[in-house]
Amino acid sequence: MLLAADVHAYLFLSFSLFAVGVYGLLSRRSVIRMLFSIEMIINAANLNFVVFSAQRNVDGEIFSFFTIGLAALEAAVGLAIVIVFYKRFGEVIPSKIKNLRW
């Protein structure tokens, strides 16, 4: 059982990860940075699942494993899109993502 101070510390860490992830996603400087930001947001959610499952004895770890699998899938598909974009246009700039439309 976690103490209330421990839960608050983990929630603050999770909120910090989420805030940095949202800032990185909204700044849109690089596509790779945006993918890392999405990973940080997903990891913040995983941390919340694990903390609340440890506190309340529920199956948060199962949800966490599921989201880790989704994060791996997101990273693979995202990097594949970045590679195709780079091969086709020679650069990867988030403002030119509109060029992928038909």
C-alpha atoms as a PDB file:
ATOM      1  CA  MET A   1       0.000   0.000   0.000  1.00  0.00           C
ATOM      2  CA  LEU A   2       1.353   3.378  -0.988  1.00  0.00           C
ATOM      3  CA  LEU A   3       1.323   6.310   1.397  1.00  0.00           C
ATOM      4  CA  ALA A   4      -0.522   9.468   0.428  1.00  0.00           C
ATOM      5  CA  ALA A   5       2.769  11.375   0.079  1.00  0.00           C
ATOM      6  CA  ASP A   6       4.097   8.734  -2.312  1.00  0.00           C
ATOM      7  CA  VAL A   7       0.938   8.887  -4.415  1.00  0.00           C
ATOM      8  CA  HIS A   8       1.191  12.673  -4.648  1.00  0.00           C
ATOM      9  CA  ALA A   9       4.836  12.449  -5.692  1.00  0.00           C
ATOM     10  CA  TYR A  10       4.043   9.912  -8.425  1.00  0.00           C
ATOM     11  CA  LEU A  11       1.084  11.961  -9.621  1.00  0.00           C
ATOM     12  CA  PHE A  12       3.268  15.073  -9.776  1.00  0.00           C
ATOM     13  CA  LEU A  13       5.829  13.127 -11.804  1.00  0.00           C
ATOM     14  CA  SER A  14       3.081  11.869 -14.102  1.00  0.00           C
ATOM     15  CA  PHE A  15       1.689  15.376 -14.552  1.00  0.00           C
ATOM     16  CA  SER A  16       5.178  16.676 -15.306  1.00  0.00           C
ATOM     17  CA  LEU A  17       5.691  14.006 -17.973  1.00  0.00           C
ATOM     18  CA  PHE A  18       2.294  14.815 -19.442  1.00  0.00           C
ATOM     19  CA  ALA A  19       2.970  18.572 -19.484  1.00  0.00           C
ATOM     20  CA  VAL A  20       6.371  18.168 -21.164  1.00  0.00           C
ATOM     21  CA  GLY A  21       4.795  15.816 -23.694  1.00  0.00           C
ATOM     22  CA  VAL A  22       1.997  18.233 -24.532  1.00  0.00           C
ATOM     23  CA  TYR A  23       4.463  21.105 -24.886  1.00  0.00           C
ATOM     24  CA  GLY A  24       6.648  19.044 -27.207  1.00  0.00           C
ATOM     25  CA  LEU A  25       3.625  18.030 -29.252  1.00  0.00           C
ATOM     26  CA  LEU A  26       2.324  21.567 -29.607  1.00  0.00           C
ATOM     27  CA  SER A  27       5.698  23.162 -30.404  1.00  0.00           C
ATOM     28  CA  ARG A  28       5.915  21.126 -33.672  1.00  0.00           C
ATOM     29  CA  ARG A  29       9.615  21.710 -34.334  1.00  0.00           C
ATOM     30  CA  SER A  30      10.443  18.213 -35.519  1.00  0.00           C
ATOM     31  CA  VAL A  31       8.493  15.078 -36.307  1.00  0.00           C
ATOM     32  CA  ILE A  32      10.802  12.903 -34.208  1.00  0.00           C
ATOM     33  CA  ARG A  33      10.300  15.228 -31.231  1.00  0.00           C
ATOM     34  CA  MET A  34       6.548  14.955 -31.735  1.00  0.00           C
ATOM     35  CA  LEU A  35       6.776  11.141 -31.662  1.00  0.00           C
ATOM     36  CA  PHE A  36       8.823  11.280 -28.454  1.00  0.00           C
ATOM     37  CA  SER A  37       6.252  13.647 -26.974  1.00  0.00           C
ATOM     38  CA  ILE A  38       3.448  11.198 -27.708  1.00  0.00           C
ATOM     39  CA  GLU A  39       5.517   8.497 -25.994  1.00  0.00           C
ATOM     40  CA  MET A  40       5.906  10.726 -22.924  1.00  0.00           C
ATOM     41  CA  ILE A  41       2.157  11.285 -22.752  1.00  0.00           C
ATOM     42  CA  ILE A  42       1.521   7.540 -22.976  1.00  0.00           C
ATOM     43  CA  ASN A  43       4.123   6.881 -20.262  1.00  0.00           C
ATOM     44  CA  ALA A  44       2.425   9.437 -18.001  1.00  0.00           C
ATOM     45  CA  ALA A  45      -0.827   7.503 -18.399  1.00  0.00           C
ATOM     46  CA  ASN A  46       1.013   4.233 -17.667  1.00  0.00           C
ATOM     47  CA  LEU A  47       2.458   5.693 -14.489  1.00  0.00           C
ATOM     48  CA  ASN A  48      -1.038   6.679 -13.356  1.00  0.00           C
ATOM     49  CA  PHE A  49      -2.336   3.174 -14.068  1.00  0.00           C
ATOM     50  CA  VAL A  50       0.428   1.554 -12.035  1.00  0.00           C
ATOM     51  CA  VAL A  51       0.179   3.957  -9.079  1.00  0.00           C
ATOM     52  CA  PHE A  52      -3.571   3.610  -8.738  1.00  0.00           C
ATOM     53  CA  SER A  53      -3.425  -0.152  -9.142  1.00  0.00           C
ATOM     54  CA  ALA A  54      -0.827  -0.365  -6.367  1.00  0.00           C
ATOM     55  CA  GLN A  55      -2.964   1.813  -4.134  1.00  0.00           C
ATOM     56  CA  ARG A  56      -6.345   0.187  -4.739  1.00  0.00           C
ATOM     57  CA  ASN A  57      -5.361  -3.398  -5.664  1.00  0.00           C
ATOM     58  CA  VAL A  58      -6.890  -3.337  -9.145  1.00  0.00           C
ATOM     59  CA  ASP A  59      -5.517  -4.597 -12.442  1.00  0.00           C
ATOM     60  CA  GLY A  60      -3.852  -1.420 -13.675  1.00  0.00           C
ATOM     61  CA  GLU A  61      -0.754  -3.337 -14.717  1.00  0.00           C
ATOM     62  CA  ILE A  62      -2.754  -5.117 -17.423  1.00  0.00           C
ATOM     63  CA  PHE A  63      -3.839  -1.782 -18.904  1.00  0.00           C
ATOM     64  CA  SER A  64      -0.254  -0.610 -18.653  1.00  0.00           C
ATOM     65  CA  PHE A  65       1.048  -3.594 -20.632  1.00  0.00           C
ATOM     66  CA  PHE A  66      -1.627  -3.002 -23.243  1.00  0.00           C
ATOM     67  CA  THR A  67      -0.656   0.660 -23.646  1.00  0.00           C
ATOM     68  CA  ILE A  68       3.037  -0.255 -23.839  1.00  0.00           C
ATOM     69  CA  GLY A  69       2.172  -2.472 -26.794  1.00  0.00           C
ATOM     70  CA  LEU A  70       0.189   0.344 -28.390  1.00  0.00           C
ATOM     71  CA  ALA A  71       3.104   2.720 -27.848  1.00  0.00           C
ATOM     72  CA  ALA A  72       5.469   0.323 -29.609  1.00  0.00           C
ATOM     73  CA  LEU A  73       3.026   0.081 -32.509  1.00  0.00           C
ATOM     74  CA  GLU A  74       2.724   3.870 -32.645  1.00  0.00           C
ATOM     75  CA  ALA A  75       6.496   4.269 -32.717  1.00  0.00           C
ATOM     76  CA  ALA A  76       6.915   1.743 -35.530  1.00  0.00           C
ATOM     77  CA  VAL A  77       4.196   3.242 -37.709  1.00  0.00           C
ATOM     78  CA  GLY A  78       5.299   6.805 -36.967  1.00  0.00           C
ATOM     79  CA  LEU A  79       8.919   6.115 -37.854  1.00  0.00           C
ATOM     80  CA  ALA A  80       7.843   4.323 -41.033  1.00  0.00           C
ATOM     81  CA  ILE A  81       5.871   7.406 -42.066  1.00  0.00           C
ATOM     82  CA  VAL A  82       8.867   9.630 -41.294  1.00  0.00           C
ATOM     83  CA  ILE A  83      11.158   7.439 -43.415  1.00  0.00           C
ATOM     84  CA  VAL A  84       8.746   7.469 -46.356  1.00  0.00           C
ATOM     85  CA  PHE A  85       8.329  11.227 -46.044  1.00  0.00           C
ATOM     86  CA  TYR A  86      12.109  11.725 -46.008  1.00  0.00           C
ATOM     87  CA  LYS A  87      12.652   9.458 -49.033  1.00  0.00           C
ATOM     88  CA  ARG A  88       9.966  11.228 -51.010  1.00  0.00           C
ATOM     89  CA  PHE A  89      10.704  14.880 -50.184  1.00  0.00           C
ATOM     90  CA  GLY A  90      14.281  14.852 -48.835  1.00  0.00           C
ATOM     91  CA  GLU A  91      13.369  16.599 -45.582  1.00  0.00           C
ATOM     92  CA  VAL A  92      11.071  16.110 -42.627  1.00  0.00           C
ATOM     93  CA  ILE A  93       9.355  19.342 -41.593  1.00  0.00           C
ATOM     94  CA  PRO A  94       6.051  19.139 -39.682  1.00  0.00           C
ATOM     95  CA  SER A  95       4.533  22.114 -41.522  1.00  0.00           C
ATOM     96  CA  LYS A  96       4.860  20.211 -44.824  1.00  0.00           C
ATOM     97  CA  ILE A  97       2.970  17.136 -43.638  1.00  0.00           C
ATOM     98  CA  LYS A  98       0.049  18.287 -45.806  1.00  0.00           C
ATOM     99  CA  ASN A  99       2.042  17.044 -48.811  1.00  0.00           C
ATOM    100  CA  LEU A 100       1.166  13.436 -47.894  1.00  0.00           C
ATOM    101  CA  ARG A 101      -2.422  13.959 -49.072  1.00  0.00           C
ATOM    102  CA  TRP A 102      -3.386  12.550 -52.453  1.00  0.00           C
END
